């Protein structure tokens, strides 16, 4: 077993600089990567990315598959960590400081950089304090609406969150003739059968309430 792998499996504590100085550059980077990937993945993201990047340039790891096997994660995960190093320096510092904490945020910011690079730094600032789910929603909205700025996107998402509504689903048993009639009426009204049933039920409830 390589010295670095032994150290990584012992889950070294402290910062990356606490890796023993007697290790080679490769073994030091491997120890850091193993330590940070052995447990919650959203931990010292930028340090992990830098360690993986150092290993990538070592002749022992000529392919992404070899590197992924050595550190015990998929090639896709390795690629997503390395993508953090392609983000603007100011955004990388938000990961280093812990203001941004999840690999999902890094993944989404890199996706945004590929399509709307001018918004990346502003989006990173907006993500501070957001969950991974909220960060994903922000970037998805910005990519679906290429003319929308960060402020407008955040405002729309905030309004959507406050307007969340409960939906209840009811299964109705219809015979073939009844469903055929329903489908014909839905086609005439340019609705789906489900939307037509919803409309009929709402109208019936409104009349029933009015007649009480």
N, C-alpha and C. Protein backbone atom coordinates (compact mmCIF):
# COMPACT_ATOMS: atom_id res chain seq x y z
N UNK A 1 0.85 -1.20 0.00
CA UNK A 1 0.00 0.00 0.00
C UNK A 1 0.88 1.25 0.00
N UNK A 2 0.57 2.19 -0.86
CA UNK A 2 1.35 3.43 -0.90
C UNK A 2 1.23 4.14 0.43
N UNK A 3 2.30 4.87 0.87
CA UNK A 3 2.22 5.63 2.12
C UNK A 3 1.05 6.59 2.12
N UNK A 4 0.78 7.24 1.00
CA UNK A 4 -0.31 8.21 0.94
C UNK A 4 -1.65 7.53 1.15
N UNK A 5 -1.84 6.34 0.55
CA UNK A 5 -3.12 5.65 0.72
C UNK A 5 -3.31 5.26 2.18
N UNK A 6 -2.24 4.81 2.82
CA UNK A 6 -2.34 4.46 4.25
C UNK A 6 -2.74 5.67 5.07
N UNK A 7 -2.14 6.81 4.79
CA UNK A 7 -2.47 8.03 5.53
C UNK A 7 -3.88 8.47 5.23
N UNK A 8 -4.29 8.37 3.94
CA UNK A 8 -5.64 8.78 3.58
C UNK A 8 -6.68 7.94 4.28
N UNK A 9 -6.45 6.65 4.39
CA UNK A 9 -7.43 5.77 5.01
C UNK A 9 -7.52 6.01 6.50
N UNK A 10 -6.49 6.63 7.10
CA UNK A 10 -6.55 6.98 8.51
C UNK A 10 -7.27 8.30 8.73
N UNK A 11 -7.75 8.93 7.65
CA UNK A 11 -8.51 10.18 7.73
C UNK A 11 -7.72 11.25 8.49
N UNK A 12 -6.65 11.71 7.86
CA UNK A 12 -5.84 12.77 8.45
C UNK A 12 -6.71 13.94 8.87
N UNK A 13 -6.41 14.55 9.97
CA UNK A 13 -7.17 15.69 10.44
C UNK A 13 -6.40 16.96 10.18
N UNK A 14 -7.13 18.10 10.25
CA UNK A 14 -6.50 19.39 10.06
C UNK A 14 -6.54 19.83 8.62
N UNK A 15 -5.79 20.87 8.31
CA UNK A 15 -5.80 21.42 6.96
C UNK A 15 -4.92 20.60 6.05
N UNK A 16 -4.97 20.92 4.78
CA UNK A 16 -4.14 20.20 3.80
C UNK A 16 -2.67 20.35 4.12
N UNK A 17 -2.27 21.44 4.71
CA UNK A 17 -0.86 21.66 5.00
C UNK A 17 -0.34 20.74 6.09
N UNK A 18 -1.24 20.00 6.75
CA UNK A 18 -0.81 19.09 7.79
C UNK A 18 -0.39 17.73 7.27
N UNK A 19 -0.49 17.51 5.96
CA UNK A 19 0.02 16.25 5.41
C UNK A 19 1.52 16.21 5.66
N UNK A 20 2.06 15.07 6.12
CA UNK A 20 3.47 14.99 6.50
C UNK A 20 4.40 15.46 5.40
N UNK A 21 5.42 16.23 5.79
CA UNK A 21 6.32 16.82 4.81
C UNK A 21 7.24 15.80 4.17
N UNK A 22 7.37 14.59 4.77
CA UNK A 22 8.25 13.58 4.22
C UNK A 22 7.72 12.92 2.96
N UNK A 23 6.47 13.16 2.63
CA UNK A 23 5.88 12.54 1.44
C UNK A 23 6.35 13.24 0.18
N UNK A 24 6.38 12.49 -0.92
CA UNK A 24 6.63 13.10 -2.22
C UNK A 24 5.44 13.97 -2.60
N UNK A 25 5.63 14.79 -3.62
CA UNK A 25 4.53 15.66 -4.06
C UNK A 25 3.32 14.84 -4.46
N UNK A 26 3.54 13.73 -5.16
CA UNK A 26 2.43 12.88 -5.58
C UNK A 26 1.74 12.24 -4.39
N UNK A 27 2.53 11.66 -3.47
CA UNK A 27 1.92 11.00 -2.31
C UNK A 27 1.22 12.00 -1.41
N UNK A 28 1.76 13.21 -1.33
CA UNK A 28 1.12 14.25 -0.52
C UNK A 28 -0.26 14.60 -1.11
N UNK A 29 -0.30 14.79 -2.44
CA UNK A 29 -1.57 15.11 -3.09
C UNK A 29 -2.56 13.96 -2.96
N UNK A 30 -2.05 12.71 -3.06
CA UNK A 30 -2.91 11.56 -2.94
C UNK A 30 -3.48 11.44 -1.53
N UNK A 31 -2.66 11.73 -0.52
CA UNK A 31 -3.14 11.70 0.86
C UNK A 31 -4.26 12.71 1.08
N UNK A 32 -4.08 13.91 0.52
CA UNK A 32 -5.10 14.95 0.66
C UNK A 32 -6.40 14.52 -0.03
N UNK A 33 -6.28 13.99 -1.26
CA UNK A 33 -7.47 13.58 -2.00
C UNK A 33 -8.20 12.45 -1.28
N UNK A 34 -7.45 11.46 -0.80
CA UNK A 34 -8.08 10.34 -0.10
C UNK A 34 -8.77 10.79 1.17
N UNK A 35 -8.11 11.68 1.89
CA UNK A 35 -8.71 12.16 3.14
C UNK A 35 -10.01 12.92 2.87
N UNK A 36 -9.99 13.79 1.88
CA UNK A 36 -11.16 14.62 1.61
C UNK A 36 -12.29 13.85 0.94
N UNK A 37 -11.96 12.78 0.22
CA UNK A 37 -12.99 12.01 -0.47
C UNK A 37 -13.49 10.85 0.38
N UNK A 38 -12.85 10.58 1.50
CA UNK A 38 -13.24 9.49 2.38
C UNK A 38 -14.22 10.02 3.42
N UNK A 39 -15.45 10.20 2.98
CA UNK A 39 -16.47 10.77 3.86
C UNK A 39 -17.32 11.75 3.08
N UNK A 40 -17.91 12.74 3.75
CA UNK A 40 -18.72 13.74 3.04
C UNK A 40 -17.91 14.40 1.94
N UNK A 41 -18.47 14.42 0.74
CA UNK A 41 -17.70 14.91 -0.41
C UNK A 41 -17.63 16.44 -0.44
N UNK A 42 -18.58 17.09 0.22
CA UNK A 42 -18.59 18.55 0.20
C UNK A 42 -17.72 19.08 1.33
N UNK A 43 -16.42 18.76 1.28
CA UNK A 43 -15.50 19.14 2.33
C UNK A 43 -14.19 19.56 1.69
N UNK A 44 -13.75 20.79 1.96
CA UNK A 44 -12.53 21.34 1.36
C UNK A 44 -12.51 21.07 -0.14
N UNK A 45 -13.53 21.56 -0.81
CA UNK A 45 -13.70 21.26 -2.23
C UNK A 45 -12.52 21.71 -3.07
N UNK A 46 -12.07 22.93 -2.84
CA UNK A 46 -10.99 23.45 -3.67
C UNK A 46 -9.68 22.72 -3.38
N UNK A 47 -9.41 22.40 -2.12
CA UNK A 47 -8.21 21.63 -1.79
C UNK A 47 -8.22 20.28 -2.46
N UNK A 48 -9.39 19.65 -2.50
CA UNK A 48 -9.52 18.36 -3.17
C UNK A 48 -9.26 18.52 -4.67
N UNK A 49 -9.83 19.57 -5.26
CA UNK A 49 -9.64 19.81 -6.69
C UNK A 49 -8.16 20.04 -7.01
N UNK A 50 -7.47 20.79 -6.17
CA UNK A 50 -6.05 21.07 -6.41
C UNK A 50 -5.22 19.80 -6.27
N UNK A 51 -5.57 18.95 -5.31
CA UNK A 51 -4.85 17.69 -5.14
C UNK A 51 -5.06 16.78 -6.35
N UNK A 52 -6.30 16.68 -6.81
CA UNK A 52 -6.58 15.85 -7.98
C UNK A 52 -5.88 16.39 -9.23
N UNK A 53 -5.81 17.70 -9.34
CA UNK A 53 -5.13 18.31 -10.49
C UNK A 53 -3.64 17.99 -10.46
N UNK A 54 -3.03 18.00 -9.26
CA UNK A 54 -1.61 17.64 -9.15
C UNK A 54 -1.40 16.18 -9.54
N UNK A 55 -2.31 15.30 -9.12
CA UNK A 55 -2.18 13.88 -9.46
C UNK A 55 -2.35 13.66 -10.95
N UNK A 56 -3.19 14.45 -11.57
CA UNK A 56 -3.47 14.28 -13.00
C UNK A 56 -2.22 14.45 -13.84
N UNK A 57 -1.26 15.24 -13.35
CA UNK A 57 -0.04 15.50 -14.11
C UNK A 57 1.09 14.53 -13.75
N UNK A 58 0.76 13.55 -12.90
CA UNK A 58 1.77 12.55 -12.54
C UNK A 58 1.71 11.39 -13.53
N UNK A 59 2.87 10.90 -14.02
CA UNK A 59 2.86 9.81 -15.01
C UNK A 59 2.17 8.55 -14.50
N UNK A 60 2.06 8.38 -13.18
CA UNK A 60 1.40 7.18 -12.65
C UNK A 60 -0.08 7.14 -12.98
N UNK A 61 -0.65 8.32 -13.25
CA UNK A 61 -2.09 8.39 -13.52
C UNK A 61 -2.28 8.98 -14.92
N UNK A 62 -2.06 8.15 -15.92
CA UNK A 62 -2.07 8.64 -17.30
C UNK A 62 -3.48 8.90 -17.82
N UNK A 63 -4.45 8.28 -17.21
CA UNK A 63 -5.83 8.47 -17.67
C UNK A 63 -6.72 8.88 -16.50
N UNK A 64 -7.86 9.48 -16.84
CA UNK A 64 -8.84 9.87 -15.82
C UNK A 64 -9.36 8.64 -15.09
N UNK A 65 -9.49 7.53 -15.81
CA UNK A 65 -9.97 6.29 -15.18
C UNK A 65 -8.99 5.80 -14.12
N UNK A 66 -7.70 5.86 -14.43
CA UNK A 66 -6.69 5.40 -13.46
C UNK A 66 -6.71 6.27 -12.21
N UNK A 67 -6.85 7.57 -12.40
CA UNK A 67 -6.90 8.49 -11.25
C UNK A 67 -8.15 8.23 -10.43
N UNK A 68 -9.28 8.06 -11.09
CA UNK A 68 -10.53 7.81 -10.38
C UNK A 68 -10.46 6.52 -9.58
N UNK A 69 -9.88 5.47 -10.17
CA UNK A 69 -9.75 4.20 -9.44
C UNK A 69 -8.86 4.36 -8.21
N UNK A 70 -7.80 5.12 -8.34
CA UNK A 70 -6.86 5.27 -7.23
C UNK A 70 -7.49 5.99 -6.04
N UNK A 71 -8.33 6.98 -6.30
CA UNK A 71 -8.91 7.75 -5.20
C UNK A 71 -10.31 7.23 -4.81
N UNK A 72 -10.83 6.25 -5.57
CA UNK A 72 -12.05 5.59 -5.16
C UNK A 72 -13.34 6.31 -5.49
N UNK A 73 -13.34 7.13 -6.55
CA UNK A 73 -14.58 7.78 -6.98
C UNK A 73 -14.72 7.59 -8.48
N UNK A 74 -15.85 8.01 -9.04
CA UNK A 74 -16.06 7.86 -10.47
C UNK A 74 -15.27 8.91 -11.25
N UNK A 75 -15.10 8.65 -12.53
CA UNK A 75 -14.41 9.61 -13.40
C UNK A 75 -15.19 10.91 -13.47
N UNK A 76 -16.53 10.82 -13.41
CA UNK A 76 -17.37 12.02 -13.47
C UNK A 76 -17.12 12.92 -12.25
N UNK A 77 -16.97 12.30 -11.08
CA UNK A 77 -16.72 13.09 -9.87
C UNK A 77 -15.36 13.79 -9.97
N UNK A 78 -14.36 13.07 -10.46
CA UNK A 78 -13.04 13.69 -10.66
C UNK A 78 -13.16 14.88 -11.59
N UNK A 79 -13.90 14.70 -12.68
CA UNK A 79 -14.06 15.78 -13.66
C UNK A 79 -14.76 16.99 -13.04
N UNK A 80 -15.75 16.74 -12.18
CA UNK A 80 -16.47 17.85 -11.56
C UNK A 80 -15.60 18.61 -10.57
N UNK A 81 -14.74 17.91 -9.86
CA UNK A 81 -13.80 18.61 -8.98
C UNK A 81 -12.83 19.46 -9.79
N UNK A 82 -12.31 18.90 -10.86
CA UNK A 82 -11.35 19.65 -11.68
C UNK A 82 -12.00 20.87 -12.32
N UNK A 83 -13.30 20.80 -12.58
CA UNK A 83 -14.00 21.94 -13.18
C UNK A 83 -13.99 23.15 -12.25
N UNK A 84 -13.88 22.92 -10.94
CA UNK A 84 -13.82 24.05 -10.00
C UNK A 84 -12.63 24.95 -10.31
N UNK A 85 -11.55 24.35 -10.81
CA UNK A 85 -10.34 25.13 -11.10
C UNK A 85 -10.46 25.93 -12.39
N UNK A 86 -11.53 25.72 -13.13
CA UNK A 86 -11.78 26.49 -14.35
C UNK A 86 -12.68 27.69 -14.09
N UNK A 87 -13.18 27.81 -12.85
CA UNK A 87 -14.00 28.95 -12.49
C UNK A 87 -13.11 30.16 -12.23
N UNK A 88 -13.65 31.38 -12.31
CA UNK A 88 -12.84 32.59 -12.04
C UNK A 88 -12.22 32.53 -10.65
N UNK A 89 -11.02 33.10 -10.47
CA UNK A 89 -10.36 33.07 -9.16
C UNK A 89 -11.23 33.56 -8.01
N UNK A 90 -12.00 34.62 -8.25
CA UNK A 90 -12.85 35.15 -7.18
C UNK A 90 -13.91 34.13 -6.74
N UNK A 91 -14.40 33.33 -7.69
CA UNK A 91 -15.38 32.30 -7.37
C UNK A 91 -14.69 31.14 -6.63
N UNK A 92 -13.49 30.79 -7.07
CA UNK A 92 -12.74 29.74 -6.37
C UNK A 92 -12.53 30.11 -4.91
N UNK A 93 -12.28 31.38 -4.65
CA UNK A 93 -12.04 31.81 -3.27
C UNK A 93 -13.29 31.64 -2.40
N UNK A 94 -14.47 31.72 -3.00
CA UNK A 94 -15.69 31.49 -2.23
C UNK A 94 -15.79 30.03 -1.79
N UNK A 95 -15.26 29.13 -2.60
CA UNK A 95 -15.21 27.72 -2.19
C UNK A 95 -14.12 27.51 -1.14
N UNK A 96 -12.99 28.20 -1.32
CA UNK A 96 -11.89 28.03 -0.36
C UNK A 96 -12.29 28.54 1.03
N UNK A 97 -13.04 29.64 1.04
CA UNK A 97 -13.45 30.24 2.32
C UNK A 97 -14.63 29.51 2.97
N UNK A 98 -15.31 28.67 2.18
CA UNK A 98 -16.46 27.97 2.73
C UNK A 98 -17.77 28.71 2.53
N UNK A 99 -17.74 29.85 1.85
CA UNK A 99 -18.99 30.56 1.57
C UNK A 99 -19.87 29.73 0.62
N UNK A 100 -19.23 29.04 -0.31
CA UNK A 100 -19.91 28.05 -1.15
C UNK A 100 -19.43 26.68 -0.69
N UNK A 101 -20.38 25.75 -0.48
CA UNK A 101 -20.03 24.55 0.27
C UNK A 101 -20.30 23.23 -0.44
N UNK A 102 -20.97 23.25 -1.58
CA UNK A 102 -21.35 21.97 -2.18
C UNK A 102 -20.79 21.81 -3.59
N UNK A 103 -20.50 20.57 -3.94
CA UNK A 103 -20.02 20.27 -5.29
C UNK A 103 -21.10 20.57 -6.31
N UNK A 104 -22.37 20.45 -5.91
CA UNK A 104 -23.48 20.78 -6.82
C UNK A 104 -23.41 22.25 -7.23
N UNK A 105 -23.04 23.14 -6.29
CA UNK A 105 -22.90 24.55 -6.64
C UNK A 105 -21.78 24.75 -7.65
N UNK A 106 -20.67 24.05 -7.45
CA UNK A 106 -19.58 24.13 -8.41
C UNK A 106 -19.98 23.61 -9.77
N UNK A 107 -20.71 22.50 -9.78
CA UNK A 107 -21.16 21.91 -11.04
C UNK A 107 -22.05 22.88 -11.80
N UNK A 108 -22.96 23.53 -11.08
CA UNK A 108 -23.90 24.45 -11.74
C UNK A 108 -23.21 25.73 -12.20
N UNK A 109 -22.27 26.21 -11.42
CA UNK A 109 -21.55 27.42 -11.83
C UNK A 109 -20.71 27.16 -13.07
N UNK A 110 -20.11 25.98 -13.15
CA UNK A 110 -19.33 25.65 -14.35
C UNK A 110 -20.26 25.53 -15.56
N UNK A 111 -21.43 24.95 -15.36
CA UNK A 111 -22.42 24.88 -16.43
C UNK A 111 -22.81 26.28 -16.91
N UNK A 112 -23.00 27.19 -15.95
CA UNK A 112 -23.34 28.57 -16.30
C UNK A 112 -22.18 29.24 -17.04
N UNK A 113 -20.96 28.95 -16.63
CA UNK A 113 -19.79 29.56 -17.27
C UNK A 113 -19.70 29.17 -18.75
N UNK A 114 -20.13 27.97 -19.07
CA UNK A 114 -20.07 27.52 -20.46
C UNK A 114 -21.05 28.28 -21.35
N UNK A 115 -22.15 28.75 -20.77
CA UNK A 115 -23.21 29.36 -21.58
C UNK A 115 -23.42 30.85 -21.33
N UNK A 116 -23.23 31.29 -20.06
CA UNK A 116 -23.41 32.72 -19.75
C UNK A 116 -22.29 33.15 -18.80
N UNK A 117 -21.05 33.17 -19.30
CA UNK A 117 -19.89 33.39 -18.43
C UNK A 117 -19.91 34.71 -17.67
N UNK A 118 -20.55 35.73 -18.22
CA UNK A 118 -20.55 37.03 -17.55
C UNK A 118 -21.33 37.02 -16.24
N UNK A 119 -22.19 36.03 -16.07
CA UNK A 119 -23.03 35.99 -14.87
C UNK A 119 -22.44 35.13 -13.74
N UNK A 120 -21.32 34.48 -13.99
CA UNK A 120 -20.83 33.48 -13.03
C UNK A 120 -20.52 34.08 -11.67
N UNK A 121 -19.79 35.19 -11.64
CA UNK A 121 -19.41 35.77 -10.35
C UNK A 121 -20.64 36.27 -9.58
N UNK A 122 -21.56 36.90 -10.28
CA UNK A 122 -22.77 37.38 -9.62
C UNK A 122 -23.62 36.21 -9.13
N UNK A 123 -23.68 35.15 -9.92
CA UNK A 123 -24.45 33.97 -9.51
C UNK A 123 -23.82 33.31 -8.29
N UNK A 124 -22.48 33.28 -8.25
CA UNK A 124 -21.78 32.69 -7.10
C UNK A 124 -22.10 33.47 -5.82
N UNK A 125 -22.11 34.78 -5.92
CA UNK A 125 -22.46 35.61 -4.75
C UNK A 125 -23.90 35.35 -4.32
N UNK A 126 -24.79 35.21 -5.30
CA UNK A 126 -26.20 34.97 -4.98
C UNK A 126 -26.39 33.61 -4.31
N UNK A 127 -25.52 32.65 -4.62
CA UNK A 127 -25.65 31.30 -4.07
C UNK A 127 -25.22 31.19 -2.60
N UNK A 128 -24.53 32.19 -2.10
CA UNK A 128 -24.08 32.13 -0.70
C UNK A 128 -25.31 32.02 0.20
N UNK A 129 -25.35 30.99 0.99
CA UNK A 129 -26.50 30.76 1.87
C UNK A 129 -27.60 29.92 1.24
N UNK A 130 -27.49 29.66 -0.08
CA UNK A 130 -28.49 28.82 -0.75
C UNK A 130 -28.17 27.34 -0.54
N UNK A 131 -29.19 26.51 -0.60
CA UNK A 131 -28.99 25.07 -0.62
C UNK A 131 -28.56 24.64 -2.02
N UNK A 132 -28.12 23.39 -2.14
CA UNK A 132 -27.77 22.87 -3.46
C UNK A 132 -28.98 22.90 -4.39
N UNK A 133 -30.15 22.59 -3.85
CA UNK A 133 -31.37 22.59 -4.65
C UNK A 133 -31.70 23.99 -5.16
N UNK A 134 -31.57 24.99 -4.29
CA UNK A 134 -31.85 26.37 -4.70
C UNK A 134 -30.84 26.84 -5.74
N UNK A 135 -29.57 26.47 -5.56
CA UNK A 135 -28.53 26.85 -6.51
C UNK A 135 -28.81 26.25 -7.88
N UNK A 136 -29.24 25.00 -7.89
CA UNK A 136 -29.58 24.35 -9.16
C UNK A 136 -30.75 25.07 -9.83
N UNK A 137 -31.75 25.45 -9.04
CA UNK A 137 -32.90 26.16 -9.59
C UNK A 137 -32.51 27.50 -10.19
N UNK A 138 -31.58 28.20 -9.54
CA UNK A 138 -31.13 29.50 -10.03
C UNK A 138 -30.47 29.36 -11.40
N UNK A 139 -29.53 28.43 -11.51
CA UNK A 139 -28.82 28.27 -12.78
C UNK A 139 -29.75 27.75 -13.86
N UNK A 140 -30.61 26.81 -13.52
CA UNK A 140 -31.56 26.30 -14.52
C UNK A 140 -32.42 27.44 -15.07
N UNK A 141 -32.87 28.32 -14.20
CA UNK A 141 -33.71 29.44 -14.64
C UNK A 141 -32.92 30.38 -15.55
N UNK A 142 -31.67 30.68 -15.17
CA UNK A 142 -30.84 31.58 -15.98
C UNK A 142 -30.56 30.99 -17.36
N UNK A 143 -30.42 29.68 -17.43
CA UNK A 143 -30.15 29.04 -18.72
C UNK A 143 -31.40 28.95 -19.59
N UNK A 144 -32.55 28.82 -18.95
CA UNK A 144 -33.80 28.77 -19.71
C UNK A 144 -34.24 30.15 -20.18
N UNK A 145 -33.76 31.19 -19.49
CA UNK A 145 -34.17 32.56 -19.83
C UNK A 145 -32.90 33.40 -20.05
N UNK A 146 -32.34 33.34 -21.25
CA UNK A 146 -31.04 33.98 -21.51
C UNK A 146 -31.03 35.49 -21.40
N UNK A 147 -32.20 36.14 -21.34
CA UNK A 147 -32.24 37.60 -21.23
C UNK A 147 -32.43 38.07 -19.79
N UNK A 148 -32.56 37.16 -18.85
CA UNK A 148 -32.82 37.52 -17.45
C UNK A 148 -31.51 37.70 -16.70
N UNK A 149 -31.44 38.74 -15.84
CA UNK A 149 -30.25 38.95 -15.03
C UNK A 149 -30.40 38.24 -13.69
N UNK A 150 -29.33 38.29 -12.88
CA UNK A 150 -29.32 37.56 -11.60
C UNK A 150 -30.41 38.05 -10.67
N UNK A 151 -30.51 39.36 -10.53
CA UNK A 151 -31.49 39.92 -9.60
C UNK A 151 -32.91 39.50 -9.94
N UNK A 152 -33.25 39.56 -11.22
CA UNK A 152 -34.59 39.18 -11.65
C UNK A 152 -34.84 37.69 -11.42
N UNK A 153 -33.82 36.87 -11.69
CA UNK A 153 -33.97 35.43 -11.50
C UNK A 153 -34.20 35.09 -10.03
N UNK A 154 -33.43 35.71 -9.15
CA UNK A 154 -33.60 35.45 -7.71
C UNK A 154 -34.98 35.88 -7.26
N UNK A 155 -35.45 37.03 -7.75
CA UNK A 155 -36.77 37.53 -7.37
C UNK A 155 -37.87 36.57 -7.81
N UNK A 156 -37.77 36.08 -9.04
CA UNK A 156 -38.77 35.15 -9.55
C UNK A 156 -38.78 33.86 -8.73
N UNK A 157 -37.59 33.35 -8.42
CA UNK A 157 -37.51 32.11 -7.65
C UNK A 157 -38.05 32.29 -6.24
N UNK A 158 -37.79 33.46 -5.64
CA UNK A 158 -38.33 33.74 -4.31
C UNK A 158 -39.85 33.79 -4.34
N UNK A 159 -40.41 34.42 -5.37
CA UNK A 159 -41.86 34.50 -5.50
C UNK A 159 -42.46 33.12 -5.74
N UNK A 160 -41.77 32.30 -6.52
CA UNK A 160 -42.27 30.95 -6.79
C UNK A 160 -42.31 30.13 -5.52
N UNK A 161 -41.29 30.32 -4.67
CA UNK A 161 -41.24 29.56 -3.42
C UNK A 161 -42.41 29.92 -2.50
N UNK A 162 -42.81 31.20 -2.52
CA UNK A 162 -43.92 31.61 -1.65
C UNK A 162 -45.27 31.21 -2.21
N UNK A 163 -45.30 30.90 -3.52
CA UNK A 163 -46.58 30.54 -4.14
C UNK A 163 -46.77 29.04 -4.26
N UNK A 164 -45.88 28.28 -3.65
CA UNK A 164 -46.01 26.82 -3.75
C UNK A 164 -47.37 26.39 -3.22
N UNK A 165 -48.00 25.51 -3.93
CA UNK A 165 -49.34 25.08 -3.55
C UNK A 165 -49.38 23.56 -3.45
N UNK A 166 -50.32 23.10 -2.66
CA UNK A 166 -50.52 21.67 -2.54
C UNK A 166 -51.43 21.20 -3.66
N UNK A 167 -51.10 20.05 -4.21
CA UNK A 167 -51.93 19.45 -5.23
C UNK A 167 -52.38 18.07 -4.76
N UNK A 168 -53.63 17.75 -5.00
CA UNK A 168 -54.18 16.46 -4.61
C UNK A 168 -54.61 15.71 -5.87
N UNK A 169 -54.28 14.46 -5.95
CA UNK A 169 -54.58 13.66 -7.13
C UNK A 169 -55.61 12.59 -6.79
N UNK A 170 -56.64 12.48 -7.62
CA UNK A 170 -57.72 11.52 -7.42
C UNK A 170 -57.78 10.61 -8.63
N UNK A 171 -57.88 9.32 -8.39
CA UNK A 171 -58.02 8.34 -9.48
C UNK A 171 -59.50 8.03 -9.67
N UNK A 172 -60.01 8.23 -10.87
CA UNK A 172 -61.42 7.95 -11.17
C UNK A 172 -61.50 6.72 -12.07
N UNK A 173 -62.38 5.81 -11.74
CA UNK A 173 -62.58 4.61 -12.55
C UNK A 173 -63.68 4.88 -13.58
N UNK A 174 -63.32 4.84 -14.85
CA UNK A 174 -64.27 5.09 -15.94
C UNK A 174 -64.30 3.88 -16.86
N UNK A 175 -65.50 3.55 -17.35
CA UNK A 175 -65.54 2.48 -18.34
C UNK A 175 -65.12 3.05 -19.69
N UNK A 176 -65.00 2.18 -20.67
CA UNK A 176 -64.46 2.60 -21.96
C UNK A 176 -65.35 3.65 -22.64
N UNK A 177 -66.68 3.48 -22.55
CA UNK A 177 -67.59 4.43 -23.21
C UNK A 177 -67.48 5.81 -22.57
N UNK A 178 -67.41 5.84 -21.24
CA UNK A 178 -67.30 7.12 -20.54
C UNK A 178 -65.99 7.82 -20.89
N UNK A 179 -64.92 7.05 -20.97
CA UNK A 179 -63.63 7.66 -21.29
C UNK A 179 -63.62 8.17 -22.73
N UNK A 180 -64.31 7.47 -23.63
CA UNK A 180 -64.37 7.91 -25.03
C UNK A 180 -65.12 9.24 -25.13
N UNK A 181 -66.23 9.36 -24.39
CA UNK A 181 -66.97 10.61 -24.37
C UNK A 181 -66.13 11.75 -23.79
N UNK A 182 -65.42 11.43 -22.72
CA UNK A 182 -64.56 12.43 -22.09
C UNK A 182 -63.48 12.90 -23.06
N UNK A 183 -62.87 11.97 -23.77
CA UNK A 183 -61.79 12.31 -24.71
C UNK A 183 -62.31 13.18 -25.84
N UNK A 184 -63.54 12.87 -26.35
CA UNK A 184 -64.10 13.67 -27.44
C UNK A 184 -64.35 15.10 -26.99
N UNK A 185 -64.92 15.23 -25.77
CA UNK A 185 -65.18 16.60 -25.27
C UNK A 185 -63.87 17.34 -25.03
N UNK A 186 -62.87 16.64 -24.49
CA UNK A 186 -61.57 17.28 -24.24
C UNK A 186 -60.97 17.77 -25.55
N UNK A 187 -61.11 16.98 -26.60
CA UNK A 187 -60.57 17.38 -27.89
C UNK A 187 -61.28 18.63 -28.41
N UNK A 188 -62.64 18.68 -28.25
CA UNK A 188 -63.40 19.85 -28.70
C UNK A 188 -62.96 21.10 -27.96
N UNK A 189 -62.68 20.95 -26.66
CA UNK A 189 -62.31 22.12 -25.85
C UNK A 189 -60.79 22.37 -25.84
N UNK A 190 -60.10 21.54 -26.61
CA UNK A 190 -58.63 21.68 -26.71
C UNK A 190 -57.96 21.58 -25.34
N UNK A 191 -58.38 20.59 -24.59
CA UNK A 191 -57.82 20.30 -23.27
C UNK A 191 -57.38 18.85 -23.23
N UNK A 192 -56.53 18.53 -22.28
CA UNK A 192 -56.23 17.12 -22.03
C UNK A 192 -57.39 16.55 -21.22
N UNK A 193 -57.61 15.24 -21.25
CA UNK A 193 -58.66 14.64 -20.43
C UNK A 193 -58.52 14.99 -18.95
N UNK A 194 -57.27 15.02 -18.46
CA UNK A 194 -57.05 15.35 -17.04
C UNK A 194 -57.48 16.78 -16.75
N UNK A 195 -57.09 17.71 -17.63
CA UNK A 195 -57.48 19.11 -17.43
C UNK A 195 -58.99 19.29 -17.51
N UNK A 196 -59.64 18.53 -18.41
CA UNK A 196 -61.08 18.63 -18.53
C UNK A 196 -61.77 18.14 -17.25
N UNK A 197 -61.29 17.02 -16.71
CA UNK A 197 -61.88 16.51 -15.46
C UNK A 197 -61.69 17.52 -14.34
N UNK A 198 -60.51 18.12 -14.27
CA UNK A 198 -60.25 19.13 -13.24
C UNK A 198 -61.23 20.30 -13.39
N UNK A 199 -61.43 20.74 -14.63
CA UNK A 199 -62.36 21.84 -14.90
C UNK A 199 -63.79 21.48 -14.49
N UNK A 200 -64.24 20.28 -14.86
CA UNK A 200 -65.60 19.85 -14.53
C UNK A 200 -65.81 19.79 -13.02
N UNK A 201 -64.84 19.24 -12.32
CA UNK A 201 -64.96 19.12 -10.86
C UNK A 201 -65.00 20.50 -10.21
N UNK A 202 -64.14 21.41 -10.66
CA UNK A 202 -64.13 22.76 -10.08
C UNK A 202 -65.45 23.47 -10.34
N UNK A 203 -65.99 23.33 -11.56
CA UNK A 203 -67.27 23.97 -11.88
C UNK A 203 -68.39 23.38 -11.03
N UNK A 204 -68.38 22.07 -10.86
CA UNK A 204 -69.41 21.41 -10.05
C UNK A 204 -69.33 21.86 -8.59
N UNK A 205 -68.12 21.96 -8.05
CA UNK A 205 -67.95 22.40 -6.68
C UNK A 205 -68.41 23.85 -6.50
N UNK A 206 -68.10 24.69 -7.51
CA UNK A 206 -68.52 26.09 -7.42
C UNK A 206 -70.04 26.19 -7.42
N UNK A 207 -70.73 25.41 -8.29
CA UNK A 207 -72.19 25.43 -8.31
C UNK A 207 -72.77 24.89 -7.01
N UNK A 208 -72.17 23.84 -6.49
CA UNK A 208 -72.66 23.25 -5.25
C UNK A 208 -72.53 24.23 -4.09
N UNK A 209 -71.39 24.94 -4.07
CA UNK A 209 -71.16 25.91 -3.00
C UNK A 209 -72.14 27.08 -3.13
N UNK A 210 -72.42 27.50 -4.38
CA UNK A 210 -73.33 28.62 -4.61
C UNK A 210 -74.77 28.25 -4.22
N UNK A 211 -75.13 26.99 -4.38
CA UNK A 211 -76.49 26.57 -4.10
C UNK A 211 -76.76 26.26 -2.65
N UNK A 212 -75.74 26.31 -1.81
CA UNK A 212 -75.96 26.00 -0.38
C UNK A 212 -76.74 27.09 0.32
